[in-house]
Amino acid sequence: MPKRLASDVYAIPVDFEGVPLTVYLIGGRGGATLIDAGVNSTPERHLLPALGELGLRATDLDRLVLTHVHHDHHGGSGALLEANPELTIGAPDLEARWAESPRRYILANYAAAFPGEVEASQPVLDRIVGLCGAPVSPSLRLRGGDTVELGDGTTLRALPTPGHSPGHLAYLREGADGPSVLFTGDAIQAVGIAVTGRPDMFLLYHSVATYLDTLDLIEATDADLLATAHNGPLDAEQGRRLIELSREWATDLHARLGALVRARGDVDLNSAIDEIAAAFPNYGRAMGMALTTAAHLDHLVVTGEARVQIRDQTKHWVAL
């Protein structure tokens, strides 16, 4: 059931595999824009029925704008394009090539992330490829500062919000009556994602400094509503609390891994992941945990607490 957030903005729950997920619709019969597309099955299971409840069809969609090109955000793009061949698809320029090839996406985010150290199993990779859906070639390639015209003076301004992914963008709705709305995608990681029926998903970002800068940028917009992907729509106070919680977790992870390196003098990625997995047993030991752990270990180098040493083709972080 779509939930109206403003006169022309709706939140549409599109949970999959026990993972909470929300996409957003802007506009109506005069022209509609969808923010993110979910996974491959999302259009048939959730989006097209939700559009029907609002008196819309797939052909009423003018454009799909992606916050980033992870499988749970762009996987429904191909099915939407099949339902509406005139649909314009916009995506972050730095990630648009992932939408064109699930294999390219898998290589960049899973298979080649930590070769020989942390590798996803083939069944996991096959499942993710399936969730990616049919490949698409985004015709609208966006960068921070770009503006998407929605009609009637309403625009989306792209804000650079990397960290969770290298090209991640948030979109600020401007020029419309009512509350200001910022569509944040996965830019605010908080404590990860609570999943039903299997282990929770650990928070995921590739760079600590970049992630913290993104949190500052989002907070500085002072938007009335934060339209998040996995925490749903939040009012300003709820958004501030989620941002502060995100900072607290990043600070805690930095302290934990810094203490580990100092105590042992030398750690590799797998030993650090062992420590994090033991400290947070409700989370799955998956690629997200590996990426975030590696980001924090690298941040110890930035802060002058460790140096990197390569031994036997394995990266080690050594205390200073």
Protein backbone atom coordinates (compact mmCIF):
# COMPACT_ATOMS: atom_id res chain seq x y z
CA MET A 1 0.00 0.00 0.00
CA PRO A 2 1.60 3.32 -1.04
CA LYS A 3 1.90 5.89 1.74
CA ARG A 4 1.57 9.58 0.89
CA LEU A 5 4.42 11.65 2.33
CA ALA A 6 3.65 14.92 0.54
CA SER A 7 1.17 16.05 -2.09
CA ASP A 8 3.17 14.37 -4.85
CA VAL A 9 5.46 11.93 -2.99
CA TYR A 10 4.62 8.34 -2.05
CA ALA A 11 6.56 5.64 -0.20
CA ILE A 12 6.09 2.12 -1.59
CA PRO A 13 7.23 -0.83 0.59
CA VAL A 14 8.91 -3.49 -1.58
CA ASP A 15 10.49 -5.91 0.92
CA PHE A 16 12.27 -8.96 -0.51
CA GLU A 17 13.76 -12.09 1.10
CA GLY A 18 13.08 -10.67 4.55
CA VAL A 19 14.92 -7.43 3.75
CA PRO A 20 12.97 -4.22 4.42
CA LEU A 21 13.07 -1.91 1.40
CA THR A 22 11.18 1.18 0.28
CA VAL A 23 11.15 2.90 -3.10
CA TYR A 24 9.55 6.27 -3.78
CA LEU A 25 7.23 7.75 -6.37
CA ILE A 26 7.07 11.44 -7.24
CA GLY A 27 4.19 12.88 -9.30
CA GLY A 28 1.19 11.27 -10.89
CA ARG A 29 -0.73 11.22 -14.17
CA GLY A 30 1.00 14.36 -15.42
CA GLY A 31 4.33 12.57 -15.23
CA ALA A 32 5.83 10.32 -12.57
CA THR A 33 9.35 9.59 -11.38
CA LEU A 34 10.41 6.50 -9.47
CA ILE A 35 13.37 6.57 -7.08
CA ASP A 36 15.02 3.11 -7.22
CA ALA A 37 13.55 -0.11 -8.58
CA GLY A 38 14.21 -2.87 -6.04
CA VAL A 39 15.22 -6.34 -7.22
CA ASN A 40 14.24 -8.26 -10.35
CA SER A 41 10.85 -9.34 -8.97
CA THR A 42 9.91 -5.97 -7.41
CA PRO A 43 7.97 -4.50 -10.36
CA GLU A 44 5.64 -7.48 -10.76
CA ARG A 45 5.22 -8.19 -7.03
CA HIS A 46 5.03 -4.66 -5.66
CA LEU A 47 5.49 -1.68 -7.98
CA LEU A 48 2.95 -2.30 -10.70
CA PRO A 49 0.21 -3.21 -8.17
CA ALA A 50 1.09 -0.08 -6.15
CA LEU A 51 0.86 2.08 -9.26
CA GLY A 52 -2.53 0.53 -9.95
CA GLU A 53 -3.76 1.52 -6.49
CA LEU A 54 -2.86 5.11 -7.40
CA GLY A 55 -4.64 4.89 -10.76
CA LEU A 56 -1.37 4.67 -12.69
CA ARG A 57 0.23 2.27 -15.14
CA ALA A 58 3.85 1.59 -15.99
CA THR A 59 3.45 3.81 -19.06
CA ASP A 60 2.69 6.76 -16.75
CA LEU A 61 6.28 6.62 -15.48
CA ASP A 62 8.51 9.16 -17.19
CA ARG A 63 11.73 8.19 -15.52
CA LEU A 64 13.46 5.92 -13.05
CA VAL A 65 16.29 7.54 -11.07
CA LEU A 66 18.69 5.26 -9.19
CA THR A 67 20.53 6.32 -6.04
CA HIS A 68 23.16 3.66 -6.75
CA VAL A 69 23.59 0.50 -8.76
CA HIS A 70 23.40 -2.29 -6.20
CA HIS A 71 21.18 -5.26 -7.02
CA ASP A 72 18.47 -4.30 -4.49
CA HIS A 73 18.11 -0.85 -6.04
CA HIS A 74 18.48 -1.37 -9.78
CA GLY A 75 17.44 -5.02 -10.18
CA GLY A 76 13.90 -4.11 -11.22
CA SER A 77 15.06 -1.70 -13.92
CA GLY A 78 14.90 -4.21 -16.76
CA ALA A 79 11.35 -5.32 -15.90
CA LEU A 80 10.20 -1.69 -15.70
CA LEU A 81 11.78 -0.94 -19.05
CA GLU A 82 10.03 -3.95 -20.55
CA ALA A 83 6.71 -2.66 -19.17
CA ASN A 84 7.43 0.85 -20.47
CA PRO A 85 9.95 0.99 -23.34
CA GLU A 86 9.81 4.82 -23.24
CA LEU A 87 11.11 4.92 -19.67
CA THR A 88 14.19 7.11 -19.10
CA ILE A 89 16.63 5.54 -16.66
CA GLY A 90 19.04 7.71 -14.71
CA ALA A 91 21.94 6.38 -12.66
CA PRO A 92 25.16 7.64 -11.06
CA ASP A 93 27.70 8.02 -13.84
CA LEU A 94 30.40 6.21 -11.83
CA GLU A 95 28.22 3.10 -11.52
CA ALA A 96 26.11 3.09 -14.70
CA ARG A 97 28.27 0.37 -16.29
CA TRP A 98 27.27 -2.05 -13.52
CA ALA A 99 23.65 -1.80 -14.68
CA GLU A 100 24.75 -2.86 -18.16
CA SER A 101 26.37 -6.09 -16.97
CA PRO A 102 25.61 -8.16 -13.86
CA ARG A 103 29.00 -9.85 -14.37
CA ARG A 104 30.76 -6.47 -14.21
CA TYR A 105 28.82 -5.65 -11.04
CA ILE A 106 29.72 -8.99 -9.44
CA LEU A 107 33.41 -8.59 -10.30
CA ALA A 108 33.61 -5.08 -8.88
CA ASN A 109 31.68 -5.73 -5.68
CA TYR A 110 32.20 -9.40 -4.86
CA ALA A 111 34.53 -11.62 -6.88
CA ALA A 112 37.45 -9.20 -7.18
CA ALA A 113 37.05 -7.35 -3.88
CA PHE A 114 39.48 -9.46 -1.82
CA PRO A 115 40.75 -12.26 -4.11
CA GLY A 116 42.22 -15.17 -2.19
CA GLU A 117 41.13 -13.73 1.17
CA VAL A 118 37.35 -13.18 1.29
CA GLU A 119 35.27 -14.70 -1.47
CA ALA A 120 31.50 -15.20 -1.83
CA SER A 121 30.34 -18.71 -2.67
CA GLN A 122 29.08 -19.48 -6.15
CA PRO A 123 25.47 -20.02 -4.96
CA VAL A 124 25.54 -16.56 -3.36
CA LEU A 125 26.90 -15.00 -6.56
CA ASP A 126 24.30 -16.82 -8.68
CA ARG A 127 21.53 -15.56 -6.39
CA ILE A 128 22.76 -11.97 -6.66
CA VAL A 129 23.02 -12.17 -10.43
CA GLY A 130 19.37 -13.27 -10.46
CA LEU A 131 18.35 -10.33 -8.27
CA CYS A 132 20.10 -7.96 -10.73
CA GLY A 133 17.49 -8.74 -13.36
CA ALA A 134 17.90 -7.87 -17.02
CA PRO A 135 20.74 -5.49 -17.89
CA VAL A 136 19.90 -1.93 -18.89
CA SER A 137 21.90 0.99 -20.26
CA PRO A 138 21.03 4.17 -18.33
CA SER A 139 20.61 7.05 -20.75
CA LEU A 140 20.79 9.69 -18.00
CA ARG A 141 24.19 9.54 -16.30
CA LEU A 142 24.27 11.74 -13.25
CA ARG A 143 26.90 13.35 -11.04
CA GLY A 144 26.70 15.48 -7.94
CA GLY A 145 25.31 18.93 -8.76
CA ASP A 146 23.24 17.75 -11.70
CA THR A 147 19.54 18.63 -11.80
CA VAL A 148 16.71 16.46 -13.10
CA GLU A 149 13.67 18.43 -14.31
CA LEU A 150 10.41 16.79 -13.21
CA GLY A 151 8.00 19.39 -14.61
CA ASP A 152 5.90 22.18 -13.06
CA GLY A 153 9.07 23.73 -11.64
CA THR A 154 9.92 20.69 -9.52
CA THR A 155 13.46 19.34 -9.74
CA LEU A 156 15.72 16.74 -8.20
CA ARG A 157 19.18 18.00 -7.31
CA ALA A 158 21.79 15.25 -7.17
CA LEU A 159 24.03 15.36 -4.11
CA PRO A 160 27.28 13.36 -4.06
CA THR A 161 26.96 10.89 -1.19
CA PRO A 162 29.67 8.25 -1.71
CA GLY A 163 30.76 5.84 0.99
CA HIS A 164 28.27 3.00 0.74
CA SER A 165 29.14 2.84 -2.95
CA PRO A 166 31.61 4.96 -4.96
CA GLY A 167 29.07 6.86 -7.05
CA HIS A 168 26.13 6.96 -4.66
CA LEU A 169 23.83 9.97 -5.08
CA ALA A 170 21.05 11.38 -2.92
CA TYR A 171 18.34 13.52 -4.53
CA LEU A 172 16.84 16.65 -3.00
CA ARG A 173 13.35 17.51 -4.23
CA GLU A 174 13.18 21.24 -4.85
CA GLY A 175 10.67 23.74 -6.24
CA ALA A 176 7.60 21.93 -4.96
CA ASP A 177 5.12 22.94 -2.30
CA GLY A 178 5.15 21.12 1.01
CA PRO A 179 8.03 19.59 2.95
CA SER A 180 11.53 19.31 1.54
CA VAL A 181 12.33 15.67 0.82
CA LEU A 182 15.78 14.12 0.50
CA PHE A 183 15.92 10.65 -1.08
CA THR A 184 18.97 9.14 0.61
CA GLY A 185 19.13 5.59 -0.75
CA ASP A 186 21.66 3.69 1.39
CA ALA A 187 23.82 6.69 2.27
CA ILE A 188 22.94 6.42 5.99
CA GLN A 189 24.02 2.96 7.14
CA ALA A 190 23.22 3.26 10.87
CA VAL A 191 23.49 -0.30 12.26
CA GLY A 192 22.97 -2.19 9.02
CA ILE A 193 19.72 -3.93 8.12
CA ALA A 194 17.53 -6.08 10.36
CA VAL A 195 16.51 -9.07 8.23
CA THR A 196 13.67 -11.51 8.90
CA GLY A 197 14.51 -15.21 8.79
CA ARG A 198 18.29 -14.99 8.41
CA PRO A 199 21.25 -13.08 9.89
CA ASP A 200 21.14 -9.30 9.76
CA MET A 201 23.15 -7.43 7.14
CA PHE A 202 26.17 -5.53 8.45
CA LEU A 203 26.62 -1.86 7.64
CA LEU A 204 28.51 -1.37 4.38
CA TYR A 205 30.83 1.42 3.28
CA HIS A 206 34.13 1.50 1.40
CA SER A 207 35.74 4.57 2.97
CA VAL A 208 35.30 5.81 6.53
CA ALA A 209 36.24 9.43 5.84
CA THR A 210 33.99 9.61 2.79
CA TYR A 211 31.10 8.01 4.67
CA LEU A 212 31.41 10.48 7.55
CA ASP A 213 31.53 13.39 5.08
CA THR A 214 28.34 12.08 3.49
CA LEU A 215 26.58 11.99 6.86
CA ASP A 216 27.61 15.62 7.42
CA LEU A 217 26.32 16.61 3.98
CA ILE A 218 22.95 14.94 4.50
CA GLU A 219 22.54 16.56 7.91
CA ALA A 220 23.42 19.97 6.46
CA THR A 221 20.53 19.82 3.97
CA ASP A 222 18.16 20.17 6.94
CA ALA A 223 15.48 18.37 4.92
CA ASP A 224 12.05 17.96 6.46
CA LEU A 225 11.85 14.31 5.39
CA LEU A 226 14.57 11.75 4.75
CA ALA A 227 13.32 9.06 2.37
CA THR A 228 15.66 6.16 3.18
CA ALA A 229 15.75 2.80 1.44
CA HIS A 230 15.96 0.38 4.37
CA ASN A 231 14.65 2.51 7.25
CA GLY A 232 11.68 3.94 5.39
CA PRO A 233 10.63 7.60 5.48
CA LEU A 234 11.82 9.60 8.50
CA ASP A 235 10.92 13.01 9.80
CA ALA A 236 13.69 15.51 10.55
CA GLU A 237 14.20 14.43 14.17
CA GLN A 238 14.20 10.73 13.31
CA GLY A 239 16.70 11.46 10.56
CA ARG A 240 19.02 13.32 12.92
CA ARG A 241 18.92 10.42 15.37
CA LEU A 242 19.74 7.92 12.62
CA ILE A 243 22.68 10.03 11.44
CA GLU A 244 24.02 10.31 14.99
CA LEU A 245 23.63 6.56 15.49
CA SER A 246 25.60 6.04 12.26
CA ARG A 247 28.43 8.21 13.59
CA GLU A 248 28.43 6.34 16.90
CA TRP A 249 28.77 2.99 15.18
CA ALA A 250 31.57 4.23 12.93
CA THR A 251 33.39 5.58 16.00
CA ASP A 252 32.92 2.29 17.85
CA LEU A 253 34.22 0.21 14.94
CA HIS A 254 37.28 2.46 14.63
CA ALA A 255 37.99 2.06 18.35
CA ARG A 256 37.49 -1.73 18.28
CA LEU A 257 39.78 -2.32 15.34
CA GLY A 258 42.37 0.15 16.60
CA ALA A 259 42.47 -1.72 19.92
CA LEU A 260 42.78 -5.04 18.07
CA VAL A 261 45.75 -3.86 16.00
CA ARG A 262 47.48 -2.41 19.06
CA ALA A 263 46.89 -5.57 21.11
CA ARG A 264 48.12 -7.99 18.45
CA GLY A 265 50.60 -5.73 16.74
CA ASP A 266 49.67 -7.14 13.35
CA VAL A 267 46.34 -8.26 11.84
CA ASP A 268 45.14 -9.43 8.45
CA LEU A 269 41.62 -8.95 7.14
CA ASN A 270 40.26 -12.36 8.11
CA SER A 271 41.47 -12.10 11.70
CA ALA A 272 39.86 -8.66 11.96
CA ILE A 273 36.59 -10.00 10.53
CA ASP A 274 36.71 -12.81 13.11
CA GLU A 275 36.83 -10.15 15.83
CA ILE A 276 33.91 -8.16 14.39
CA ALA A 277 31.81 -11.28 13.77
CA ALA A 278 32.34 -12.39 17.38
CA ALA A 279 31.41 -8.95 18.70
CA PHE A 280 28.24 -8.77 16.59
CA PRO A 281 26.95 -12.37 16.32
CA ASN A 282 23.51 -11.44 14.96
CA TYR A 283 25.07 -10.28 11.68
CA GLY A 284 26.00 -12.54 8.79
CA ARG A 285 29.67 -12.87 7.95
CA ALA A 286 29.23 -11.59 4.40
CA MET A 287 30.90 -9.21 1.97
CA GLY A 288 29.47 -6.13 3.66
CA MET A 289 31.24 -6.98 6.90
CA ALA A 290 34.49 -7.56 5.00
CA LEU A 291 34.28 -4.27 3.09
CA THR A 292 33.49 -2.18 6.16
CA THR A 293 36.15 -3.90 8.26
CA ALA A 294 38.75 -3.26 5.55
CA ALA A 295 37.64 0.37 5.32
CA HIS A 296 38.21 0.86 9.04
CA LEU A 297 41.59 -0.87 8.96
CA ASP A 298 42.65 1.43 6.12
CA HIS A 299 41.36 4.39 8.14
CA LEU A 300 43.81 3.44 10.90
CA VAL A 301 46.54 4.18 8.36
CA VAL A 302 44.98 7.57 7.59
CA THR A 303 44.84 8.43 11.30
CA GLY A 304 48.46 7.37 11.85
CA GLU A 305 47.65 4.35 14.01
CA ALA A 306 48.85 1.64 11.63
CA ARG A 307 50.82 0.96 8.48
CA VAL A 308 50.27 -1.58 5.72
CA GLN A 309 52.64 -4.44 5.07
CA ILE A 310 52.24 -7.09 2.35
CA ARG A 311 53.45 -10.58 3.28
CA ASP A 312 52.84 -13.72 1.24
CA GLN A 313 50.51 -11.67 -1.01
CA THR A 314 48.31 -10.85 2.01
CA LYS A 315 47.70 -7.36 3.33
CA HIS A 316 48.51 -6.82 7.01
CA TRP A 317 47.90 -3.79 9.19
CA VAL A 318 50.76 -3.25 11.63
CA ALA A 319 50.52 -1.08 14.74
CA LEU A 320 52.55 2.12 14.97
